[in-house]
Amino acid sequence: MGIGIGILLLVIGLILLFAIKEFPASVQEVVDPGTVGWILVIAGVLALVLGLVMNNQRSRSTHVEERREL
């Protein structure tokens, strides 16, 4: 799930940065879309890295099954 969210944030951030040239004036008065785009790109990269690290840790772990006879 972390990898998917990371990709989604990254794509939305890159769209805000490079694909959309004109924003409505009401949006630009409240927030700068370029800044929001960079924040989403950084959050997406962090989510991707953390998702990959967590998946790597899961693959290294071992599980021990204990059975008790009554």
C-alpha atoms as a PDB file:
ATOM      1  CA  MET A   1       0.000   0.000   0.000  1.00  0.00           C
ATOM      2  CA  GLY A   2       2.869   2.399   0.768  1.00  0.00           C
ATOM      3  CA  ILE A   3       4.365   1.978  -2.683  1.00  0.00           C
ATOM      4  CA  GLY A   4       1.038   2.737  -4.381  1.00  0.00           C
ATOM      5  CA  ILE A   5       0.446   5.854  -2.302  1.00  0.00           C
ATOM      6  CA  GLY A   6       4.013   6.984  -2.991  1.00  0.00           C
ATOM      7  CA  ILE A   7       3.525   6.627  -6.740  1.00  0.00           C
ATOM      8  CA  LEU A   8       0.191   8.468  -6.546  1.00  0.00           C
ATOM      9  CA  LEU A   9       1.681  11.387  -4.600  1.00  0.00           C
ATOM     10  CA  LEU A  10       4.641  11.544  -6.954  1.00  0.00           C
ATOM     11  CA  VAL A  11       2.451  11.627 -10.059  1.00  0.00           C
ATOM     12  CA  ILE A  12       0.110  14.290  -8.664  1.00  0.00           C
ATOM     13  CA  GLY A  13       3.070  16.416  -7.584  1.00  0.00           C
ATOM     14  CA  LEU A  14       4.724  16.165 -11.001  1.00  0.00           C
ATOM     15  CA  ILE A  15       1.450  17.062 -12.715  1.00  0.00           C
ATOM     16  CA  LEU A  16       1.134  20.152 -10.525  1.00  0.00           C
ATOM     17  CA  LEU A  17       4.734  21.124 -11.267  1.00  0.00           C
ATOM     18  CA  PHE A  18       5.058  20.547 -14.995  1.00  0.00           C
ATOM     19  CA  ALA A  19       1.760  19.811 -16.724  1.00  0.00           C
ATOM     20  CA  ILE A  20      -0.560  22.512 -15.453  1.00  0.00           C
ATOM     21  CA  LYS A  21       0.532  26.000 -16.511  1.00  0.00           C
ATOM     22  CA  GLU A  22      -2.441  28.165 -15.547  1.00  0.00           C
ATOM     23  CA  PHE A  23      -4.332  27.926 -12.285  1.00  0.00           C
ATOM     24  CA  PRO A  24      -7.452  29.864 -11.324  1.00  0.00           C
ATOM     25  CA  ALA A  25      -6.684  33.135  -9.546  1.00  0.00           C
ATOM     26  CA  SER A  26      -8.611  32.042  -6.467  1.00  0.00           C
ATOM     27  CA  VAL A  27      -6.304  29.022  -6.049  1.00  0.00           C
ATOM     28  CA  GLN A  28      -3.119  31.050  -6.548  1.00  0.00           C
ATOM     29  CA  GLU A  29      -4.204  33.570  -3.923  1.00  0.00           C
ATOM     30  CA  VAL A  30      -4.456  30.868  -1.255  1.00  0.00           C
ATOM     31  CA  VAL A  31      -1.552  28.534  -2.076  1.00  0.00           C
ATOM     32  CA  ASP A  32       1.287  28.369  -4.556  1.00  0.00           C
ATOM     33  CA  PRO A  33       0.657  25.280  -6.732  1.00  0.00           C
ATOM     34  CA  GLY A  34       4.396  24.911  -7.407  1.00  0.00           C
ATOM     35  CA  THR A  35       5.124  24.650  -3.696  1.00  0.00           C
ATOM     36  CA  VAL A  36       2.340  22.123  -3.208  1.00  0.00           C
ATOM     37  CA  GLY A  37       3.719  20.157  -6.152  1.00  0.00           C
ATOM     38  CA  TRP A  38       7.210  20.004  -4.635  1.00  0.00           C
ATOM     39  CA  ILE A  39       5.781  18.960  -1.270  1.00  0.00           C
ATOM     40  CA  LEU A  40       3.846  16.130  -2.928  1.00  0.00           C
ATOM     41  CA  VAL A  41       6.916  15.011  -4.899  1.00  0.00           C
ATOM     42  CA  ILE A  42       9.019  14.860  -1.732  1.00  0.00           C
ATOM     43  CA  ALA A  43       6.267  13.034   0.165  1.00  0.00           C
ATOM     44  CA  GLY A  44       5.892  10.565  -2.706  1.00  0.00           C
ATOM     45  CA  VAL A  45       9.617   9.803  -2.810  1.00  0.00           C
ATOM     46  CA  LEU A  46       9.680   9.304   0.966  1.00  0.00           C
ATOM     47  CA  ALA A  47       6.655   6.999   0.811  1.00  0.00           C
ATOM     48  CA  LEU A  48       8.295   4.954  -1.958  1.00  0.00           C
ATOM     49  CA  VAL A  49      11.567   4.618  -0.048  1.00  0.00           C
ATOM     50  CA  LEU A  50       9.832   3.697   3.208  1.00  0.00           C
ATOM     51  CA  GLY A  51       7.575   1.202   1.419  1.00  0.00           C
ATOM     52  CA  LEU A  52      10.562  -0.498  -0.207  1.00  0.00           C
ATOM     53  CA  VAL A  53      12.465  -0.624   3.097  1.00  0.00           C
ATOM     54  CA  MET A  54       9.476  -2.138   4.887  1.00  0.00           C
ATOM     55  CA  ASN A  55       9.014  -4.754   2.153  1.00  0.00           C
ATOM     56  CA  ASN A  56      12.704  -5.627   2.351  1.00  0.00           C
ATOM     57  CA  GLN A  57      12.452  -6.125   6.116  1.00  0.00           C
ATOM     58  CA  ARG A  58       9.402  -8.361   5.694  1.00  0.00           C
ATOM     59  CA  SER A  59      11.238 -10.637   3.298  1.00  0.00           C
ATOM     60  CA  ARG A  60      14.132 -11.104   5.740  1.00  0.00           C
ATOM     61  CA  SER A  61      12.023 -12.046   8.747  1.00  0.00           C
ATOM     62  CA  THR A  62      11.449 -15.668   9.693  1.00  0.00           C
ATOM     63  CA  HIS A  63       8.406 -17.151  11.332  1.00  0.00           C
ATOM     64  CA  VAL A  64       8.515 -19.982  13.822  1.00  0.00           C
ATOM     65  CA  GLU A  65       5.459 -22.130  14.283  1.00  0.00           C
ATOM     66  CA  GLU A  66       5.146 -23.883  17.593  1.00  0.00           C
ATOM     67  CA  ARG A  67       2.798 -26.815  18.042  1.00  0.00           C
ATOM     68  CA  ARG A  68       1.906 -28.229  21.415  1.00  0.00           C
ATOM     69  CA  GLU A  69       0.545 -31.738  21.720  1.00  0.00           C
ATOM     70  CA  LEU A  70      -2.043 -32.266  24.422  1.00  0.00           C
END
